[in-house]
Protein backbone atom coordinates (compact mmCIF):
# COMPACT_ATOMS: atom_id res chain seq x y z
CA MET A 1 -0.16 -0.27 -0.27
CA LYS A 2 3.02 2.12 0.48
CA HIS A 3 4.55 1.63 -2.77
CA LEU A 4 0.89 2.50 -4.09
CA ASN A 5 0.31 5.36 -2.47
CA LYS A 6 3.85 6.70 -3.89
CA LEU A 7 2.52 5.81 -7.57
CA LEU A 8 -0.49 7.76 -7.11
CA THR A 9 1.14 10.57 -5.66
CA ILE A 10 3.53 11.16 -8.79
CA LEU A 11 0.43 10.20 -11.30
CA LEU A 12 -1.35 13.38 -9.56
CA VAL A 13 1.70 15.70 -9.72
CA LEU A 14 2.48 14.81 -13.80
CA THR A 15 -1.53 15.43 -14.48
CA MET A 16 -1.43 18.97 -12.41
CA LEU A 17 1.25 19.97 -14.94
CA GLY A 18 -0.41 20.01 -18.38
CA SER A 19 -4.77 19.55 -17.40
CA LYS A 20 -7.50 21.75 -18.30
CA ALA A 21 -10.95 21.53 -17.44
CA GLN A 22 -12.58 18.91 -19.35
CA ASN A 23 -14.85 19.25 -22.14
CA THR A 24 -14.41 18.74 -26.14
CA ASP A 25 -11.06 20.66 -25.31
CA ASN A 26 -9.71 18.54 -22.55
CA PRO A 27 -11.86 15.28 -22.78
CA TRP A 28 -9.67 13.34 -20.05
CA LEU A 29 -10.39 13.37 -16.24
CA LEU A 30 -8.50 11.94 -13.28
CA GLY A 31 -9.06 11.74 -10.02
CA LEU A 32 -6.75 10.28 -6.60
CA GLY A 33 -8.35 10.60 -3.60
CA THR A 34 -9.43 8.59 -0.24
CA HIS A 35 -12.87 6.60 0.20
CA ALA A 36 -15.11 5.26 3.07
CA ALA A 37 -17.15 2.31 2.93
CA ASN A 38 -20.12 1.89 5.43
CA MET A 39 -20.98 -1.89 5.04
CA THR A 40 -24.06 -1.44 7.13
CA PHE A 41 -27.44 -1.61 5.37
CA GLU A 42 -30.66 -2.33 7.04
CA ASP A 43 -27.80 -3.08 10.16
CA ALA A 44 -28.99 -2.75 13.85
CA LYS A 45 -27.90 0.64 14.84
CA SER A 46 -25.46 -0.61 17.38
CA ASN A 47 -23.14 -1.65 14.39
CA TYR A 48 -23.64 1.22 12.13
CA TYR A 49 -20.56 3.01 12.71
CA ASN A 50 -18.68 -0.61 13.49
CA ASN A 51 -18.74 -0.83 10.26
CA TRP A 52 -17.94 2.63 8.78
CA HIS A 53 -14.25 2.49 7.34
CA VAL A 54 -12.10 5.17 6.00
CA MET A 55 -9.31 3.86 3.89
CA PRO A 56 -5.78 5.35 3.64
CA ALA A 57 -4.91 8.41 1.55
CA ILE A 58 -4.75 7.86 -2.23
CA SER A 59 -6.75 4.34 -2.22
CA GLN A 60 -8.60 5.68 -4.73
CA ILE A 61 -8.36 6.81 -8.83
CA LYS A 62 -10.86 7.31 -11.19
CA LEU A 63 -10.33 7.83 -14.89
CA PHE A 64 -13.06 9.54 -17.44
CA ARG A 65 -13.49 10.44 -20.89
CA TYR A 66 -15.55 13.11 -22.30
CA LEU A 67 -18.18 12.31 -24.87
CA GLY A 68 -19.99 15.25 -25.42
CA LYS A 69 -23.10 17.24 -24.05
CA GLY A 70 -22.50 16.50 -20.39
CA LEU A 71 -21.61 12.91 -20.84
CA SER A 72 -18.55 10.74 -20.00
CA ILE A 73 -17.47 7.39 -19.38
CA GLY A 74 -14.94 5.93 -17.24
CA THR A 75 -13.51 3.42 -14.65
CA GLN A 76 -12.79 3.42 -11.15
CA LEU A 77 -10.61 1.74 -8.39
CA SER A 78 -10.93 1.47 -4.95
CA LEU A 79 -8.59 -0.41 -2.48
CA GLY A 80 -8.12 -0.93 1.47
CA THR A 81 -9.58 -3.34 4.09
CA ALA A 82 -13.08 -3.28 5.92
CA GLN A 83 -14.87 -5.39 8.15
CA ARG A 84 -18.65 -5.99 8.68
CA TYR A 85 -19.52 -6.88 12.37
CA ASP A 86 -17.12 -7.63 15.18
CA SER A 87 -17.39 -11.06 14.79
CA ILE A 88 -15.72 -11.21 10.85
CA GLY A 89 -12.12 -9.57 10.76
CA SER A 90 -10.50 -7.29 8.15
CA LEU A 91 -11.13 -8.19 5.16
CA PHE A 92 -9.40 -7.36 1.43
CA TYR A 93 -11.95 -4.51 0.22
CA LEU A 94 -11.55 -3.71 -3.70
CA GLN A 95 -14.21 -1.87 -5.89
CA TRP A 96 -13.70 -1.68 -9.78
CA GLY A 97 -16.50 -0.54 -11.78
CA ILE A 98 -17.13 1.19 -15.04
CA ASP A 99 -19.82 4.08 -15.26
CA PHE A 100 -21.19 6.59 -17.16
CA LYS A 101 -21.14 10.29 -15.66
CA TYR A 102 -23.88 13.47 -17.03
CA SER A 103 -22.00 16.59 -15.66
CA PHE A 104 -24.78 19.74 -15.56
CA ALA A 105 -21.32 21.98 -16.45
CA ASN A 106 -22.49 21.26 -19.97
CA GLY A 107 -22.99 24.58 -21.30
CA TYR A 108 -26.36 23.97 -21.70
CA ILE A 109 -27.11 23.84 -17.66
CA LEU A 110 -24.06 25.67 -16.16
CA LYS A 111 -20.96 26.34 -17.92
CA GLN A 112 -18.26 24.15 -19.18
CA ASN A 113 -15.72 25.78 -17.23
CA CYS A 114 -18.00 26.58 -14.10
CA TRP A 115 -16.29 26.20 -10.85
CA PHE A 116 -19.40 24.97 -9.47
CA ASP A 117 -19.81 21.20 -11.49
CA PRO A 118 -22.06 18.96 -9.98
CA TYR A 119 -22.94 15.84 -11.56
CA ILE A 120 -24.67 12.09 -11.11
CA LEU A 121 -23.41 8.70 -12.88
CA PHE A 122 -24.27 5.43 -12.57
CA GLY A 123 -21.98 1.84 -13.64
CA ALA A 124 -21.65 -1.23 -13.03
CA GLY A 125 -18.77 -3.01 -11.36
CA LEU A 126 -16.75 -6.01 -9.54
CA ASN A 127 -16.61 -5.83 -5.42
CA LYS A 128 -14.13 -7.54 -3.33
CA PHE A 129 -14.87 -8.63 -0.13
CA GLY A 130 -14.40 -11.88 1.36
CA ASP A 131 -15.46 -13.20 -2.86
CA VAL A 132 -15.96 -11.40 -5.68
CA LYS A 133 -19.66 -10.36 -6.60
CA GLY A 134 -21.09 -8.17 -9.25
CA SER A 135 -22.90 -4.70 -8.35
CA LEU A 136 -25.05 -2.06 -9.45
CA ASN A 137 -23.33 1.36 -8.76
CA PRO A 138 -25.95 4.90 -9.15
CA GLY A 139 -24.59 8.07 -7.59
CA ALA A 140 -23.67 11.65 -6.95
CA GLY A 141 -20.83 13.75 -7.07
CA LEU A 142 -19.22 17.40 -7.16
CA ASN A 143 -16.61 18.69 -8.31
CA LEU A 144 -15.94 22.07 -7.49
CA TRP A 145 -12.37 24.13 -9.45
CA PHE A 146 -10.17 26.35 -7.32
CA ILE A 147 -8.15 27.18 -10.46
CA LYS A 148 -8.31 26.43 -13.63
CA ASN A 149 -6.43 22.89 -13.74
CA LEU A 150 -7.39 22.31 -10.40
CA GLY A 151 -10.18 20.83 -7.90
CA VAL A 152 -11.53 18.78 -5.58
CA PHE A 153 -14.29 15.83 -5.50
CA ILE A 154 -16.64 14.37 -3.35
CA GLN A 155 -18.90 11.58 -4.18
CA THR A 156 -20.99 8.80 -3.21
CA GLN A 157 -21.87 5.75 -4.87
CA PHE A 158 -25.06 3.14 -3.43
CA GLU A 159 -22.92 -0.42 -3.92
CA TYR A 160 -26.49 -2.47 -4.83
CA MET A 161 -25.64 -6.39 -4.76
CA PRO A 162 -28.27 -7.96 -6.25
CA HIS A 163 -28.17 -11.07 -4.04
CA SER A 164 -26.85 -10.66 -1.34
CA ASN A 165 -27.98 -11.02 2.33
CA SER A 166 -28.30 -8.25 4.29
CA GLY A 167 -29.91 -7.54 7.80
CA PRO A 168 -29.59 -7.51 11.64
CA TYR A 169 -29.81 -11.23 10.87
CA TYR A 170 -27.24 -12.29 8.31
CA ASN A 171 -23.62 -12.74 8.86
CA ASP A 172 -23.20 -12.05 4.78
CA PRO A 173 -19.68 -10.55 4.20
CA ARG A 174 -20.45 -8.30 1.02
CA PRO A 175 -23.79 -6.59 1.36
CA SER A 176 -25.21 -3.66 -0.52
CA TYR A 177 -23.73 -0.66 0.84
CA MET A 178 -23.19 2.85 0.76
CA HIS A 179 -19.33 3.71 -0.78
CA HIS A 180 -18.18 7.53 -0.20
CA SER A 181 -15.52 9.22 -1.85
CA PHE A 182 -13.21 12.61 -1.58
CA GLY A 183 -9.55 14.06 -2.83
CA MET A 184 -8.00 15.71 -5.69
CA VAL A 185 -9.60 15.69 -9.08
CA ALA A 186 -8.20 17.37 -12.91
CA ARG A 187 -8.43 17.49 -16.48
CA LEU A 188 -6.43 17.12 -19.41
CA GLY A 189 -6.23 15.94 -22.94
CA LYS A 190 -6.48 18.44 -25.73
CA GLY A 191 -9.42 18.79 -27.95
CA LYS A 192 -10.36 19.48 -31.90
CA ASP A 193 -7.58 22.24 -33.17
CA THR A 194 -8.71 23.04 -36.99
CA ASP A 195 -6.25 25.23 -37.71
CA GLY A 196 -2.79 23.30 -36.27
CA ASP A 197 -2.49 26.25 -34.30
CA GLY A 198 -1.82 24.37 -30.44
CA ILE A 199 -5.03 25.79 -29.15
CA PRO A 200 -8.52 23.90 -29.10
CA ASP A 201 -11.25 25.44 -31.61
CA SER A 202 -13.42 26.07 -28.88
CA GLU A 203 -10.72 28.64 -27.08
CA ASP A 204 -9.38 29.49 -30.11
CA ALA A 205 -11.06 33.02 -31.71
CA CYS A 206 -10.02 32.41 -35.02
CA PRO A 207 -10.10 28.36 -35.19
CA ASN A 208 -9.71 28.32 -38.78
CA ASP A 209 -6.48 30.69 -39.21
CA PRO A 210 -3.39 29.73 -37.22
CA GLY A 211 -1.97 31.94 -34.97
CA LYS A 212 -0.73 32.94 -31.44
CA PRO A 213 -1.85 31.75 -27.69
CA GLU A 214 -1.53 35.94 -26.74
CA PHE A 215 -3.81 36.33 -29.48
CA ASN A 216 -6.58 33.84 -28.34
CA GLY A 217 -5.64 31.95 -31.77
CA CYS A 218 -5.98 34.79 -34.32
CA PRO A 219 -2.82 35.83 -36.73
CA ASP A 220 -0.81 38.65 -36.78
CA THR A 221 0.30 38.67 -39.95
CA ASP A 222 2.20 41.91 -39.65
CA GLY A 223 3.54 41.93 -36.09
CA ASP A 224 2.19 44.94 -34.88
CA GLY A 225 0.20 43.57 -32.27
CA ILE A 226 -3.35 43.90 -33.67
CA ILE A 227 -4.57 40.37 -34.76
CA ASP A 228 -5.55 40.59 -38.67
CA LYS A 229 -9.53 40.18 -37.95
CA ASP A 230 -9.43 43.53 -36.04
CA ASP A 231 -6.24 45.48 -38.55
CA LYS A 232 -7.81 47.99 -41.43
CA CYS A 233 -4.27 47.31 -42.79
CA PRO A 234 -3.31 43.30 -41.81
CA THR A 235 -0.29 43.27 -43.97
CA VAL A 236 1.62 45.96 -42.97
CA PRO A 237 2.41 47.04 -39.48
CA GLY A 238 0.29 49.94 -38.05
CA VAL A 239 -0.79 51.60 -34.53
CA PRO A 240 -3.91 50.54 -32.23
CA ALA A 241 -5.51 53.94 -32.70
CA LEU A 242 -5.98 53.64 -36.05
CA GLN A 243 -6.83 49.68 -36.02
CA GLY A 244 -3.53 48.17 -37.28
CA CYS A 245 -2.83 51.09 -40.32
CA PRO A 246 0.51 53.01 -40.09
CA ASP A 247 0.92 56.52 -39.47
CA ALA A 248 4.26 57.70 -40.59
CA ASP A 249 4.07 61.17 -39.47
CA GLY A 250 1.89 60.61 -36.55
CA ASP A 251 -0.68 62.88 -37.08
CA GLY A 252 -3.50 60.66 -36.51
CA ILE A 253 -4.22 59.83 -40.09
CA THR A 254 -3.67 57.02 -41.86
CA ASP A 255 -0.82 57.15 -44.69
CA ALA A 256 -3.59 55.94 -47.01
CA ASP A 257 -5.92 58.87 -46.16
CA ASP A 258 -3.00 61.21 -46.22
CA ALA A 259 -2.36 63.44 -48.45
CA CYS A 260 0.95 64.48 -47.31
CA PRO A 261 2.04 61.26 -45.02
CA THR A 262 5.83 62.63 -43.69
CA GLN A 263 4.22 65.68 -42.62
CA PRO A 264 1.69 66.18 -40.06
CA GLY A 265 -1.19 67.99 -40.18
CA PRO A 266 -4.89 67.86 -39.10
CA ALA A 267 -8.08 66.48 -40.84
CA ALA A 268 -9.32 69.39 -42.09
CA THR A 269 -6.81 69.12 -44.11
CA LYS A 270 -6.07 65.55 -45.31
CA GLY A 271 -2.70 65.73 -42.70
CA CYS A 272 -1.32 68.38 -44.61
CA PRO A 273 0.74 71.42 -42.88
CA ASP A 274 -1.65 74.34 -42.02
CA ARG A 275 0.90 76.93 -40.94
CA ASP A 276 -1.80 79.84 -40.59
CA GLY A 277 -5.06 77.82 -39.42
CA ASP A 278 -7.07 78.82 -42.52
CA GLY A 279 -8.22 75.07 -43.31
CA ILE A 280 -6.07 75.36 -46.36
CA ALA A 281 -3.37 72.88 -46.71
CA ASP A 282 0.11 74.97 -47.25
CA LYS A 283 0.90 73.44 -50.58
CA ASP A 284 -3.11 74.53 -51.87
CA ASP A 285 -2.46 78.51 -49.73
CA ALA A 286 -1.27 81.04 -51.72
CA CYS A 287 -0.55 83.02 -48.68
CA PRO A 288 0.36 79.99 -46.20
CA ASP A 289 0.89 82.33 -43.10
CA GLN A 290 -1.77 85.17 -43.38
CA PRO A 291 -5.46 83.10 -43.06
CA GLY A 292 -8.07 83.50 -45.90
CA PRO A 293 -11.12 82.09 -47.25
CA ALA A 294 -10.92 79.08 -49.54
CA ALA A 295 -12.16 81.89 -52.51
CA THR A 296 -8.94 83.59 -52.74
CA LYS A 297 -6.25 80.51 -52.00
CA GLY A 298 -6.15 80.72 -48.68
CA CYS A 299 -5.24 84.92 -48.78
CA PRO A 300 -6.67 87.70 -46.61
CA ASP A 301 -9.72 89.45 -48.26
CA ARG A 302 -10.58 91.81 -45.60
CA ASP A 303 -14.02 93.66 -47.84
CA GLY A 304 -15.30 89.86 -48.62
CA ASP A 305 -15.55 90.63 -52.25
CA GLY A 306 -13.79 87.56 -53.11
CA ILE A 307 -10.87 88.96 -54.42
CA ALA A 308 -7.39 88.87 -52.51
CA ASP A 309 -6.24 92.13 -50.89
CA LYS A 310 -2.75 91.72 -52.72
CA ASP A 311 -5.49 91.82 -55.73
CA ASP A 312 -7.13 94.11 -54.80
CA ALA A 313 -7.18 97.97 -55.65
CA CYS A 314 -9.48 98.88 -53.16
CA PRO A 315 -8.98 96.42 -50.38
CA ASP A 316 -11.64 97.93 -47.97
CA GLN A 317 -14.38 98.00 -49.90
CA PRO A 318 -16.34 95.30 -51.82
CA GLY A 319 -16.46 95.84 -55.58
CA PRO A 320 -16.63 93.22 -58.98
CA ALA A 321 -13.25 91.87 -60.20
CA SER A 322 -14.06 93.93 -63.51
CA THR A 323 -12.98 96.70 -61.37
CA LYS A 324 -10.24 94.87 -59.60
CA GLY A 325 -12.29 94.75 -56.42
CA CYS A 326 -13.49 98.55 -56.28
CA PRO A 327 -17.07 99.54 -56.03
CA ASP A 328 -19.12 100.36 -59.02
CA SER A 329 -22.42 101.39 -58.20
CA ASP A 330 -23.92 102.03 -61.62
CA GLY A 331 -22.32 98.66 -63.37
CA ASP A 332 -21.22 100.33 -66.14
CA GLY A 333 -17.56 98.56 -65.41
CA ILE A 334 -16.32 102.11 -64.05
CA PRO A 335 -14.83 102.11 -60.75
CA ASP A 336 -16.73 104.70 -58.63
CA LYS A 337 -13.38 106.33 -57.99
CA ASP A 338 -13.06 106.66 -61.60
CA ASP A 339 -16.73 107.22 -62.58
CA LYS A 340 -17.69 110.99 -62.64
CA CYS A 341 -21.23 109.87 -62.82
CA PRO A 342 -21.14 106.95 -60.51
CA THR A 343 -25.14 106.64 -59.82
CA VAL A 344 -25.81 106.51 -63.88
CA PRO A 345 -23.92 103.67 -65.93
CA GLY A 346 -22.18 105.71 -68.30
CA LEU A 347 -18.91 104.65 -71.18
CA ALA A 348 -15.46 105.25 -70.42
CA GLU A 349 -14.91 108.00 -73.29
CA TYR A 350 -17.25 110.37 -71.02
CA GLY A 351 -15.83 109.71 -68.11
CA GLY A 352 -18.22 106.98 -66.83
CA CYS A 353 -21.22 109.12 -67.80
CA PRO A 354 -23.87 108.79 -70.64
CA LYS A 355 -22.73 109.46 -73.99
CA PRO A 356 -24.44 112.65 -74.51
CA ALA A 357 -28.26 113.08 -75.84
CA LEU A 358 -28.46 114.22 -80.17
CA ASP A 359 -30.36 117.83 -79.55
CA GLU A 360 -31.36 120.13 -82.82
CA THR A 361 -27.79 122.12 -82.43
CA LYS A 362 -25.83 118.69 -82.28
CA LYS A 363 -28.18 116.97 -84.42
CA VAL A 364 -27.57 119.88 -87.34
CA GLU A 365 -23.89 119.61 -86.12
CA VAL A 366 -23.76 115.90 -87.03
CA GLN A 367 -25.95 116.22 -90.19
CA LYS A 368 -23.15 118.75 -91.78
CA LYS A 369 -20.47 115.52 -91.62
CA LEU A 370 -22.21 113.34 -92.46
CA SER A 371 -23.24 116.03 -95.73
CA PHE A 372 -19.66 116.84 -95.86
CA ALA A 373 -18.71 112.98 -95.79
CA ALA A 374 -21.36 112.06 -98.65
CA LYS A 375 -19.88 114.81 -101.22
CA ASN A 376 -16.72 112.89 -101.00
CA ILE A 377 -18.11 109.53 -102.21
CA PHE A 378 -16.99 109.05 -105.74
CA PHE A 379 -17.41 105.74 -107.55
CA GLU A 380 -16.00 104.26 -110.97
CA THR A 381 -17.95 105.74 -114.13
CA GLY A 382 -21.19 104.34 -114.19
CA GLN A 383 -20.03 101.03 -111.80
CA ASP A 384 -21.67 101.05 -108.22
CA VAL A 385 -17.84 100.03 -107.30
CA LEU A 386 -16.17 102.90 -104.52
CA LYS A 387 -12.78 104.84 -105.51
CA LYS A 388 -10.37 104.29 -102.94
CA GLN A 389 -10.41 108.32 -101.84
CA SER A 390 -13.88 107.06 -100.71
CA LEU A 391 -12.84 104.44 -97.83
CA THR A 392 -11.46 107.23 -95.12
CA VAL A 393 -14.36 109.47 -95.66
CA LEU A 394 -16.28 106.32 -95.05
CA ASP A 395 -14.49 105.44 -92.06
CA SER A 396 -15.23 108.91 -90.47
CA VAL A 397 -18.62 107.92 -90.69
CA VAL A 398 -18.47 104.32 -88.84
CA ALA A 399 -16.42 106.82 -86.10
CA LEU A 400 -19.39 109.17 -85.93
CA MET A 401 -21.97 106.18 -85.94
CA ASN A 402 -20.28 104.56 -83.03
CA GLN A 403 -19.85 107.65 -81.24
CA TYR A 404 -23.56 107.96 -81.67
CA ASP A 405 -24.91 104.45 -81.64
CA PHE A 406 -28.24 105.11 -81.57
CA LEU A 407 -28.04 107.09 -84.82
CA LYS A 408 -29.92 105.53 -88.10
CA LEU A 409 -29.76 106.87 -91.74
CA THR A 410 -30.98 106.50 -95.04
CA VAL A 411 -28.26 106.17 -97.72
CA ASP A 412 -29.77 107.75 -100.78
CA GLY A 413 -28.39 107.08 -104.58
CA HIS A 414 -28.92 109.55 -107.32
CA THR A 415 -28.10 110.20 -110.77
CA ASP A 416 -27.80 112.47 -113.46
CA ASN A 417 -30.69 112.09 -116.37
CA VAL A 418 -27.98 110.65 -119.44
CA GLY A 419 -29.32 107.12 -120.10
CA PRO A 420 -32.35 105.07 -119.83
CA GLU A 421 -34.02 106.38 -116.54
CA ASN A 422 -34.34 102.67 -115.62
CA VAL A 423 -30.51 102.14 -115.90
CA ASN A 424 -30.22 105.17 -113.86
CA LEU A 425 -32.53 103.90 -110.84
CA GLU A 426 -31.29 100.64 -110.96
CA LEU A 427 -27.56 102.41 -110.78
CA SER A 428 -28.81 104.47 -107.97
CA MET A 429 -29.65 101.72 -106.13
CA LYS A 430 -26.69 99.66 -106.33
CA ARG A 431 -24.69 102.36 -105.34
CA SER A 432 -26.59 103.42 -101.91
CA VAL A 433 -26.64 99.53 -101.37
CA ALA A 434 -22.62 99.56 -101.37
CA VAL A 435 -22.44 102.50 -98.82
CA VAL A 436 -24.37 100.54 -96.42
CA ASN A 437 -22.60 97.16 -97.04
CA TYR A 438 -19.32 99.17 -96.76
CA LEU A 439 -20.51 100.61 -93.01
CA ALA A 440 -22.03 97.04 -92.10
CA ALA A 441 -18.51 95.30 -93.06
CA HIS A 442 -16.98 98.00 -90.70
CA GLY A 443 -19.60 96.84 -87.35
CA ILE A 444 -22.57 99.15 -88.26
CA ALA A 445 -25.88 97.37 -87.66
CA ASN A 446 -27.87 96.85 -90.67
CA ASN A 447 -31.27 97.79 -88.91
CA ARG A 448 -29.38 101.35 -88.44
CA LEU A 449 -28.96 101.43 -92.42
CA THR A 450 -31.42 102.37 -94.72
CA PRO A 451 -30.45 102.03 -98.36
CA GLN A 452 -32.44 104.16 -101.53
CA GLY A 453 -32.33 104.80 -104.76
CA PHE A 454 -33.80 107.89 -106.98
CA GLY A 455 -32.35 108.16 -110.10
CA PRO A 456 -32.70 110.95 -111.74
CA SER A 457 -35.66 111.96 -109.89
CA VAL A 458 -34.26 114.29 -107.79
CA PRO A 459 -31.61 116.65 -109.68
CA ILE A 460 -30.10 119.80 -107.52
CA ALA A 461 -28.74 121.50 -110.04
CA ASP A 462 -29.38 121.63 -113.95
CA ASN A 463 -28.62 118.40 -115.92
CA LYS A 464 -28.15 120.72 -119.19
CA THR A 465 -24.93 121.42 -117.94
CA ALA A 466 -21.87 119.22 -117.15
CA GLU A 467 -21.62 121.04 -114.03
CA GLY A 468 -25.11 120.33 -113.36
CA ARG A 469 -25.15 117.07 -114.05
CA ALA A 470 -21.91 115.81 -111.87
CA LYS A 471 -23.61 117.47 -108.59
CA ASN A 472 -26.94 115.30 -109.37
CA ARG A 473 -24.47 112.09 -109.58
CA ARG A 474 -24.02 112.03 -106.06
CA VAL A 475 -25.06 109.71 -102.17
CA GLU A 476 -26.68 111.66 -99.39
CA LEU A 477 -26.26 110.59 -95.82
CA LEU A 478 -29.41 111.44 -94.17
CA ILE A 479 -30.10 111.34 -90.35
CA LYS A 480 -33.14 109.27 -89.91
CA ASP A 481 -36.19 110.44 -87.53
């Protein structure tokens, strides 16, 4: 018995070194302890305590294999000496059985790793106390796990001998009896490990991907301490604050989202520096040391007219770009500071004032200029082709009509009476049209010009003389009311 105790002690120490809670991951359970047999069953009360025998320490061993859903199968062996009644001496005692055990810490009723682990069991076995007899062994027990891989157990079973003679009048050395045990219990072994990383699936947060124990079985490909499934950049080392993505400049923006990954900057400018804090990155800021709005590329705009102060001729007075940021109250494109009529739209040639109205006096003056010009319009003989000396005169008419852009003219063609009247009428019209075409070609709108041909019907001199006929061959430019 002394050598048996040493052997059982060695087995217990070896078990404690590598054991974990019994379940699908740790399917083996090993228990070592002491036990007590009470050989009294329906006996007289006077014999009850006499038949209670506690066996030596580590006189029981049991081994169970987990099957699933709380069910295990195992074997138990108990050794020692016991006696029944004073008339029977001490006899060698042995009980061996095969048992099915159902644990309530099975993941359905209680958690598999619950420290409180009650169970029931039922089996059959052999008993030697004098003779050898078979028995049925129902019972119950409780495991208390005080650390993850080691605990204590307490258990009781009824060893029922179907044909034993028990009672106060029978001296049967092998009656049915109660069998109690207590000791240390540990569980060991490894369960299913799909990815082969040494961590059982039930404890493996990534059962299909080999990983490390410190990450609960999950991989960390880039070695940054963040497991791949939580790492947005699993192949590039990064920082936890950015879910495993790198941040070379340490500005809190991932390199992939950082427009300036080597220069720290705020999120507002996508990680680029912004020295003046105006929300425009220095690389896009025309004035990086002076705060300004985006509309002026980061440059100051004191008057808020959308023109940077450095380009604004009136930086403290809002105005349009057409006047370089200066006010233009009448919208005529001439800044108020240069406009002689700032509240009335006008023309630059009149200092920003409207073009003067054509009163009667002015009208007479303009008509004189037109009449003078008309006297110097000449054509090739018998044709509607303008002579070169006429072009300079017509250019002056273009200038005059541009000055008075509201002015409309009639262009009247006249001939002398030499030749058929119908021919002269046609020629006069063609010469009128030739003048209109020249003026239109130089920018005068057609709706301001009306050509007319009168032939010889409106003479201004006597056609009997050469001098008179020359005066009658003419074009007249008349202001149209």
